[in-house]
C-alpha cells in the first residue's frame, strides 16, 4: 500500500478537476431552471387533462327516450 497522506487541498483539487470550476451564480440559475421546468411540466399536464376532459364532453352521446 502507498504511504502517501492525502490532504484536504488534494481532495479539493481533484474534485475541481473532476467536476469543473463552478461560477458564483451557477447554483441559483440551475435551481431557477429546475423550478421553471417543473412549472412548465405541470402546465402541460393540466392542459392535456383539460383538453381531454372537454373533448370527452363534446363527443359524448345523449340518448333521449320519448313516449308517444
C-alpha atoms as a PDB file:
ATOM      1  CA  UNK A   1       0.000   0.000   0.000  1.00  0.00           C
ATOM      2  CA  UNK A   2       1.023   3.553  -0.582  1.00  0.00           C
ATOM      3  CA  UNK A   3       2.101   5.609   2.422  1.00  0.00           C
ATOM      4  CA  UNK A   4       1.135   8.938   0.822  1.00  0.00           C
ATOM      5  CA  UNK A   5      -1.058  11.149   3.020  1.00  0.00           C
ATOM      6  CA  UNK A   6      -3.949  12.774   1.174  1.00  0.00           C
ATOM      7  CA  UNK A   7      -4.639  16.292   2.367  1.00  0.00           C
ATOM      8  CA  UNK A   8      -7.781  18.402   2.104  1.00  0.00           C
ATOM      9  CA  UNK A   9      -6.250  20.544  -0.643  1.00  0.00           C
ATOM     10  CA  UNK A  10      -5.500  17.406  -2.673  1.00  0.00           C
ATOM     11  CA  UNK A  11      -9.153  16.380  -2.441  1.00  0.00           C
ATOM     12  CA  UNK A  12     -10.406  19.862  -3.328  1.00  0.00           C
ATOM     13  CA  UNK A  13      -8.107  19.971  -6.331  1.00  0.00           C
ATOM     14  CA  UNK A  14      -9.250  16.544  -7.505  1.00  0.00           C
ATOM     15  CA  UNK A  15     -12.932  17.499  -7.186  1.00  0.00           C
ATOM     16  CA  UNK A  16     -12.358  20.749  -9.063  1.00  0.00           C
ATOM     17  CA  UNK A  17     -10.657  18.856 -11.869  1.00  0.00           C
ATOM     18  CA  UNK A  18     -13.404  16.227 -11.985  1.00  0.00           C
ATOM     19  CA  UNK A  19     -16.493  18.449 -11.688  1.00  0.00           C
ATOM     20  CA  UNK A  20     -15.069  21.638 -13.124  1.00  0.00           C
ATOM     21  CA  UNK A  21     -14.992  25.039 -11.545  1.00  0.00           C
ATOM     22  CA  UNK A  22     -18.429  26.462 -10.861  1.00  0.00           C
ATOM     23  CA  UNK A  23     -19.389  30.068 -11.305  1.00  0.00           C
ATOM     24  CA  UNK A  24     -20.777  32.178  -8.457  1.00  0.00           C
ATOM     25  CA  UNK A  25     -24.366  32.428  -9.787  1.00  0.00           C
ATOM     26  CA  UNK A  26     -24.480  28.998 -11.361  1.00  0.00           C
ATOM     27  CA  UNK A  27     -26.327  27.290  -8.492  1.00  0.00           C
ATOM     28  CA  UNK A  28     -29.021  29.985  -8.435  1.00  0.00           C
ATOM     29  CA  UNK A  29     -29.525  29.729 -12.185  1.00  0.00           C
ATOM     30  CA  UNK A  30     -29.779  25.942 -12.103  1.00  0.00           C
ATOM     31  CA  UNK A  31     -32.354  25.995  -9.280  1.00  0.00           C
ATOM     32  CA  UNK A  32     -34.362  28.594 -11.192  1.00  0.00           C
ATOM     33  CA  UNK A  33     -34.192  26.378 -14.280  1.00  0.00           C
ATOM     34  CA  UNK A  34     -35.445  23.376 -12.291  1.00  0.00           C
ATOM     35  CA  UNK A  35     -38.371  25.368 -10.877  1.00  0.00           C
ATOM     36  CA  UNK A  36     -39.246  26.699 -14.335  1.00  0.00           C
ATOM     37  CA  UNK A  37     -39.138  23.235 -15.881  1.00  0.00           C
ATOM     38  CA  UNK A  38     -41.353  21.858 -13.100  1.00  0.00           C
ATOM     39  CA  UNK A  39     -43.933  24.592 -13.599  1.00  0.00           C
ATOM     40  CA  UNK A  40     -43.881  24.041 -17.359  1.00  0.00           C
ATOM     41  CA  UNK A  41     -44.445  20.293 -16.967  1.00  0.00           C
ATOM     42  CA  UNK A  42     -47.321  20.987 -14.565  1.00  0.00           C
ATOM     43  CA  UNK A  43     -48.956  23.370 -17.019  1.00  0.00           C
ATOM     44  CA  UNK A  44     -48.613  20.856 -19.865  1.00  0.00           C
ATOM     45  CA  UNK A  45     -50.161  18.063 -17.769  1.00  0.00           C
ATOM     46  CA  UNK A  46     -53.018  20.327 -16.648  1.00  0.00           C
ATOM     47  CA  UNK A  47     -53.609  21.461 -20.244  1.00  0.00           C
ATOM     48  CA  UNK A  48     -53.716  17.880 -21.523  1.00  0.00           C
ATOM     49  CA  UNK A  49     -56.184  16.941 -18.781  1.00  0.00           C
ATOM     50  CA  UNK A  50     -58.408  19.934 -19.556  1.00  0.00           C
ATOM     51  CA  UNK A  51     -58.394  19.337 -23.306  1.00  0.00           C
ATOM     52  CA  UNK A  52     -59.156  15.637 -22.825  1.00  0.00           C
ATOM     53  CA  UNK A  53     -61.991  16.362 -20.444  1.00  0.00           C
ATOM     54  CA  UNK A  54     -63.502  18.926 -22.817  1.00  0.00           C
ATOM     55  CA  UNK A  55     -63.251  16.653 -25.852  1.00  0.00           C
ATOM     56  CA  UNK A  56     -64.935  13.891 -23.860  1.00  0.00           C
ATOM     57  CA  UNK A  57     -67.895  16.161 -23.179  1.00  0.00           C
ATOM     58  CA  UNK A  58     -68.137  17.224 -26.819  1.00  0.00           C
ATOM     59  CA  UNK A  59     -68.014  13.673 -28.167  1.00  0.00           C
ATOM     60  CA  UNK A  60     -70.370  12.059 -25.653  1.00  0.00           C
ATOM     61  CA  UNK A  61     -73.765  10.936 -26.898  1.00  0.00           C
ATOM     62  CA  UNK A  62     -77.037  11.820 -25.225  1.00  0.00           C
ATOM     63  CA  UNK A  63     -79.922   9.424 -25.831  1.00  0.00           C
ATOM     64  CA  UNK A  64     -83.426  10.786 -25.420  1.00  0.00           C
ATOM     65  CA  UNK A  65     -86.327   8.422 -24.995  1.00  0.00           C
ATOM     66  CA  UNK A  66     -89.780   9.778 -25.875  1.00  0.00           C
ATOM     67  CA  UNK A  67     -93.097   8.175 -25.225  1.00  0.00           C
ATOM     68  CA  UNK A  68     -95.841   8.792 -27.695  1.00  0.00           C
END
